[in-house]
Amino acid sequence: MSGSLNKVLLIGNLGRDPELKATPSGQSVARFSVATTETWKNQSGEKQSKTEWHNIVVWGKQAEIAEKYLRKGKQVMIEGRIQYREYTGQDGVKKTACDIRCDNFVMLGRMEDGGGNRDSGGYGGRATGGGSQDFEDHGAPSPMGASGSFPDDDIPF
């Protein structure tokens, strides 16, 4: 394989509401954290878990969408890449931080849980980065009837 790949896919819960700011040039940037939790059973059969916290950075129109719709505790899928940055701490020591530069995110969960779409009760939409940075509303009515099953005349076989 020639070349390289820096790709991250996370599904987790927001640790805090996005904070929206503007750069001196006027570009929007939002920052928030996402927690992912891994669970397993140890050799004794006891349930164990470990939570990792990820710093997420979103730019442009997508940052404004994140600030408007994402809320602490809600589930989200983040697609992006790892970026490292250096800064000087208050103690004068040079430090390195790891961020996830978000290219796309998808709000997961139901509307009453803070995600989702009012019409379908499913997931709410997707904000895409790169060239298109617009919000795609996936609010098309569900093919399922009110009972949660497909109507007989809509089955494709």
Protein backbone atom coordinates (compact mmCIF):
# COMPACT_ATOMS: atom_id res chain seq x y z
CA MET A 1 0.00 0.00 0.00
CA SER A 2 1.37 3.38 -0.90
CA GLY A 3 0.50 6.43 1.13
CA SER A 4 -0.96 6.53 4.60
CA LEU A 5 -4.27 6.89 6.40
CA ASN A 6 -5.31 8.88 9.46
CA LYS A 7 -8.95 7.95 10.14
CA VAL A 8 -10.98 7.87 13.36
CA LEU A 9 -14.54 6.64 13.88
CA LEU A 10 -16.04 7.11 17.36
CA ILE A 11 -19.48 6.41 18.77
CA GLY A 12 -19.94 7.83 22.22
CA ASN A 13 -21.65 10.38 24.42
CA LEU A 14 -20.94 14.08 24.64
CA GLY A 15 -19.16 15.06 27.84
CA ARG A 16 -20.16 18.71 27.51
CA ASP A 17 -22.10 21.02 25.22
CA PRO A 18 -20.04 22.32 22.28
CA GLU A 19 -18.36 25.69 22.86
CA LEU A 20 -18.52 27.83 19.73
CA LYS A 21 -15.88 30.50 19.10
CA ALA A 22 -14.62 32.44 16.11
CA THR A 23 -11.03 32.76 14.95
CA PRO A 24 -9.63 36.27 14.32
CA SER A 25 -10.41 35.69 10.62
CA GLY A 26 -14.06 34.97 11.50
CA GLN A 27 -14.12 31.21 10.97
CA SER A 28 -16.28 29.25 13.44
CA VAL A 29 -14.74 26.52 15.59
CA ALA A 30 -16.51 24.34 18.16
CA ARG A 31 -14.89 22.15 20.79
CA PHE A 32 -16.45 19.42 22.93
CA SER A 33 -15.56 16.07 24.43
CA VAL A 34 -16.88 12.59 23.67
CA ALA A 35 -16.63 9.61 26.01
CA THR A 36 -16.32 6.06 24.71
CA THR A 37 -16.60 3.15 27.13
CA GLU A 38 -15.23 -0.35 26.60
CA THR A 39 -16.66 -3.16 28.72
CA TRP A 40 -15.41 -6.71 29.20
CA LYS A 41 -15.32 -9.54 31.74
CA ASN A 42 -12.09 -10.35 33.53
CA GLN A 43 -10.84 -13.89 34.20
CA SER A 44 -13.04 -14.08 37.30
CA GLY A 45 -16.13 -13.22 35.24
CA GLU A 46 -16.49 -9.76 36.79
CA LYS A 47 -17.63 -6.96 34.52
CA GLN A 48 -14.95 -4.34 33.91
CA SER A 49 -15.12 -1.05 32.02
CA LYS A 50 -12.82 1.73 30.93
CA THR A 51 -13.87 5.14 29.65
CA GLU A 52 -11.70 7.14 27.26
CA TRP A 53 -12.25 10.88 26.75
CA HIS A 54 -11.67 12.42 23.32
CA ASN A 55 -11.33 16.13 22.52
CA ILE A 56 -13.30 16.96 19.37
CA VAL A 57 -12.71 20.03 17.17
CA VAL A 58 -15.21 21.00 14.45
CA TRP A 59 -14.74 23.87 11.97
CA GLY A 60 -16.92 26.10 9.78
CA LYS A 61 -20.66 25.70 9.24
CA GLN A 62 -20.46 22.26 10.82
CA ALA A 63 -19.26 23.89 14.08
CA GLU A 64 -22.37 26.08 14.13
CA ILE A 65 -24.58 23.02 13.59
CA ALA A 66 -22.80 21.17 16.41
CA GLU A 67 -23.33 24.09 18.80
CA LYS A 68 -27.00 24.29 17.88
CA TYR A 69 -27.96 20.60 18.05
CA LEU A 70 -25.47 18.62 20.16
CA ARG A 71 -25.97 18.44 23.93
CA LYS A 72 -24.11 16.92 26.86
CA GLY A 73 -24.92 13.23 27.38
CA LYS A 74 -26.33 12.63 23.89
CA GLN A 75 -24.94 9.94 21.63
CA VAL A 76 -23.07 10.91 18.49
CA MET A 77 -20.91 9.28 15.83
CA ILE A 78 -17.76 11.24 14.97
CA GLU A 79 -15.71 10.65 11.82
CA GLY A 80 -12.42 12.45 11.52
CA ARG A 81 -8.68 12.28 12.01
CA ILE A 82 -6.15 12.59 14.82
CA GLN A 83 -4.26 15.87 15.15
CA TYR A 84 -1.62 16.80 17.70
CA ARG A 85 -0.93 20.35 18.81
CA GLU A 86 1.66 21.88 21.06
CA TYR A 87 1.01 24.62 23.57
CA THR A 88 2.63 26.15 26.60
CA GLY A 89 0.86 25.47 29.90
CA GLN A 90 0.32 28.03 32.65
CA ASP A 91 3.42 26.62 34.33
CA GLY A 92 5.51 27.55 31.27
CA VAL A 93 6.07 23.93 30.25
CA LYS A 94 5.55 22.92 26.61
CA LYS A 95 2.79 20.31 26.30
CA THR A 96 1.19 18.23 23.56
CA ALA A 97 -2.57 17.65 23.18
CA CYS A 98 -4.37 15.13 21.01
CA ASP A 99 -7.57 16.26 19.25
CA ILE A 100 -9.95 14.57 16.86
CA ARG A 101 -10.53 16.90 13.89
CA CYS A 102 -14.15 16.10 13.03
CA ASP A 103 -14.94 15.81 9.31
CA ASN A 104 -18.48 14.44 9.79
CA PHE A 105 -20.81 13.75 12.67
CA VAL A 106 -24.14 11.98 12.98
CA MET A 107 -26.55 12.57 15.83
CA LEU A 108 -27.77 9.24 17.17
CA GLY A 109 -30.74 8.38 19.36
CA ARG A 110 -34.37 9.44 19.44
CA MET A 111 -35.73 12.98 19.56
CA GLU A 112 -36.93 12.64 23.14
CA ASP A 113 -33.35 11.64 24.00
CA GLY A 114 -32.06 14.82 22.37
CA GLY A 115 -31.05 13.29 19.05
CA GLY A 116 -33.15 12.09 16.22
CA ASN A 117 -35.83 13.60 14.10
CA ARG A 118 -39.33 14.66 15.10
CA ASP A 119 -41.02 12.88 12.17
CA SER A 120 -39.40 9.48 12.13
CA GLY A 121 -38.25 8.97 15.72
CA GLY A 122 -34.92 7.84 14.25
CA TYR A 123 -31.56 9.47 14.01
CA GLY A 124 -31.56 13.14 13.27
CA GLY A 125 -29.14 13.92 10.56
CA ARG A 126 -25.61 14.27 9.46
CA ALA A 127 -23.31 17.22 9.26
CA THR A 128 -20.59 16.77 6.70
CA GLY A 129 -17.25 18.47 6.51
CA GLY A 130 -14.83 18.86 3.68
CA GLY A 131 -16.36 20.63 0.72
CA SER A 132 -20.05 20.34 1.50
CA GLN A 133 -20.32 21.43 5.17
CA ASP A 134 -24.11 21.48 5.09
CA PHE A 135 -26.71 19.71 7.18
CA GLU A 136 -28.60 16.84 5.59
CA ASP A 137 -31.98 16.35 7.23
CA HIS A 138 -32.99 12.70 7.14
CA GLY A 139 -36.58 13.44 8.01
CA ALA A 140 -38.27 11.40 5.31
CA PRO A 141 -41.26 9.51 6.64
CA SER A 142 -40.47 5.97 7.71
CA PRO A 143 -41.63 3.17 5.37
CA MET A 144 -42.96 1.42 8.45
CA GLY A 145 -46.54 1.89 9.47
CA ALA A 146 -47.65 3.14 12.89
CA SER A 147 -47.49 -0.44 14.20
CA GLY A 148 -43.73 -0.59 13.49
CA SER A 149 -44.03 -3.13 10.68
CA PHE A 150 -44.02 -2.77 6.90
CA PRO A 151 -47.42 -2.55 5.21
CA ASP A 152 -48.04 -5.71 3.14
CA ASP A 153 -48.18 -3.83 -0.18
CA ASP A 154 -44.70 -2.30 0.39
CA ILE A 155 -42.80 -5.60 0.72
CA PRO A 156 -40.54 -5.84 -2.35
CA PHE A 157 -40.97 -9.61 -2.92
